[in-house]
């Protein structure tokens, strides 16, 4: 990685762009969305702000989850 490079991710709850380290990574495991605090779990992940309202919006909206985790309809 280049020196000074900061990975940017988008919150799936509110759409805000932020450095990867400021966001919480969520992954799909056995049909349930769980947090990945170390950001090391296998598979596709989605990022949300630490703000509870963003996470709740993502968790309630099945359409956002389908897009984030590339689920079939």
C-alpha atoms as a PDB file:
ATOM      1  CA  UNK A   1       0.000   0.000   0.000  1.00  0.00           C
ATOM      2  CA  UNK A   2       1.125   3.515  -0.718  1.00  0.00           C
ATOM      3  CA  UNK A   3       2.111   5.610   2.235  1.00  0.00           C
ATOM      4  CA  UNK A   4      -0.699   7.925   3.258  1.00  0.00           C
ATOM      5  CA  UNK A   5      -3.419   5.937   1.488  1.00  0.00           C
ATOM      6  CA  UNK A   6      -6.632   5.750   3.529  1.00  0.00           C
ATOM      7  CA  UNK A   7      -9.331   3.309   2.328  1.00  0.00           C
ATOM      8  CA  UNK A   8     -12.717   5.030   2.060  1.00  0.00           C
ATOM      9  CA  UNK A   9     -16.008   3.133   2.481  1.00  0.00           C
ATOM     10  CA  UNK A  10     -19.660   4.172   2.271  1.00  0.00           C
ATOM     11  CA  UNK A  11     -22.137   3.694   5.118  1.00  0.00           C
ATOM     12  CA  UNK A  12     -25.018   1.500   3.896  1.00  0.00           C
ATOM     13  CA  UNK A  13     -27.386   3.172   6.359  1.00  0.00           C
ATOM     14  CA  UNK A  14     -26.921   6.870   5.539  1.00  0.00           C
ATOM     15  CA  UNK A  15     -24.602   6.985   2.504  1.00  0.00           C
ATOM     16  CA  UNK A  16     -21.842   8.976   4.239  1.00  0.00           C
ATOM     17  CA  UNK A  17     -18.299   8.271   3.042  1.00  0.00           C
ATOM     18  CA  UNK A  18     -15.680   7.808   5.747  1.00  0.00           C
ATOM     19  CA  UNK A  19     -12.328   6.125   6.364  1.00  0.00           C
ATOM     20  CA  UNK A  20     -12.708   2.359   6.761  1.00  0.00           C
ATOM     21  CA  UNK A  21     -11.469   2.464  10.373  1.00  0.00           C
ATOM     22  CA  UNK A  22     -14.330   4.788  11.417  1.00  0.00           C
ATOM     23  CA  UNK A  23     -17.035   2.409  10.181  1.00  0.00           C
ATOM     24  CA  UNK A  24     -18.293  -0.919  11.499  1.00  0.00           C
ATOM     25  CA  UNK A  25     -18.113  -3.894   9.135  1.00  0.00           C
ATOM     26  CA  UNK A  26     -21.162  -6.151   8.955  1.00  0.00           C
ATOM     27  CA  UNK A  27     -21.162  -9.641   7.420  1.00  0.00           C
ATOM     28  CA  UNK A  28     -23.821 -12.239   6.678  1.00  0.00           C
ATOM     29  CA  UNK A  29     -23.427 -15.513   8.624  1.00  0.00           C
ATOM     30  CA  UNK A  30     -26.035 -18.282   8.458  1.00  0.00           C
ATOM     31  CA  UNK A  31     -28.694 -15.820   7.320  1.00  0.00           C
ATOM     32  CA  UNK A  32     -27.988 -13.298  10.092  1.00  0.00           C
ATOM     33  CA  UNK A  33     -26.168  -9.980   9.871  1.00  0.00           C
ATOM     34  CA  UNK A  34     -23.432  -9.753  12.506  1.00  0.00           C
ATOM     35  CA  UNK A  35     -20.674  -7.270  13.337  1.00  0.00           C
ATOM     36  CA  UNK A  36     -17.082  -8.004  12.365  1.00  0.00           C
ATOM     37  CA  UNK A  37     -15.109  -5.839  14.829  1.00  0.00           C
ATOM     38  CA  UNK A  38     -11.676  -6.997  13.630  1.00  0.00           C
ATOM     39  CA  UNK A  39     -12.767  -6.703   9.963  1.00  0.00           C
ATOM     40  CA  UNK A  40     -11.233 -10.111   9.198  1.00  0.00           C
ATOM     41  CA  UNK A  41     -14.186 -12.453   8.552  1.00  0.00           C
ATOM     42  CA  UNK A  42     -14.459 -14.107   5.152  1.00  0.00           C
ATOM     43  CA  UNK A  43     -17.046 -13.056   2.614  1.00  0.00           C
ATOM     44  CA  UNK A  44     -18.663  -9.888   1.447  1.00  0.00           C
ATOM     45  CA  UNK A  45     -19.028  -7.161   4.017  1.00  0.00           C
ATOM     46  CA  UNK A  46     -21.033  -3.974   4.307  1.00  0.00           C
ATOM     47  CA  UNK A  47     -20.042  -0.922   6.319  1.00  0.00           C
ATOM     48  CA  UNK A  48     -22.182   1.234   8.614  1.00  0.00           C
ATOM     49  CA  UNK A  49     -21.513   4.222  10.838  1.00  0.00           C
ATOM     50  CA  UNK A  50     -21.135   3.580  14.553  1.00  0.00           C
ATOM     51  CA  UNK A  51     -24.364   5.581  14.911  1.00  0.00           C
ATOM     52  CA  UNK A  52     -27.190   3.295  16.050  1.00  0.00           C
ATOM     53  CA  UNK A  53     -29.746   4.885  13.685  1.00  0.00           C
ATOM     54  CA  UNK A  54     -27.643   3.976  10.627  1.00  0.00           C
ATOM     55  CA  UNK A  55     -27.277   0.376  11.762  1.00  0.00           C
ATOM     56  CA  UNK A  56     -30.991   0.107  12.553  1.00  0.00           C
ATOM     57  CA  UNK A  57     -31.889   1.501   9.122  1.00  0.00           C
ATOM     58  CA  UNK A  58     -29.655  -1.084   7.444  1.00  0.00           C
ATOM     59  CA  UNK A  59     -30.906  -3.968   9.624  1.00  0.00           C
ATOM     60  CA  UNK A  60     -34.591  -3.157   8.999  1.00  0.00           C
ATOM     61  CA  UNK A  61     -34.290  -2.658   5.239  1.00  0.00           C
ATOM     62  CA  UNK A  62     -34.067  -6.044   3.495  1.00  0.00           C
ATOM     63  CA  UNK A  63     -33.544  -4.346   0.119  1.00  0.00           C
ATOM     64  CA  UNK A  64     -30.359  -2.627   1.359  1.00  0.00           C
ATOM     65  CA  UNK A  65     -29.102  -5.978   2.671  1.00  0.00           C
ATOM     66  CA  UNK A  66     -29.796  -7.708  -0.653  1.00  0.00           C
ATOM     67  CA  UNK A  67     -27.786  -5.057  -2.484  1.00  0.00           C
ATOM     68  CA  UNK A  68     -24.939  -5.031   0.031  1.00  0.00           C
ATOM     69  CA  UNK A  69     -24.532  -8.799   0.244  1.00  0.00           C
ATOM     70  CA  UNK A  70     -25.570  -9.524  -3.365  1.00  0.00           C
ATOM     71  CA  UNK A  71     -28.381 -11.849  -2.337  1.00  0.00           C
ATOM     72  CA  UNK A  72     -30.804 -13.419  -4.796  1.00  0.00           C
ATOM     73  CA  UNK A  73     -34.422 -12.223  -4.758  1.00  0.00           C
END
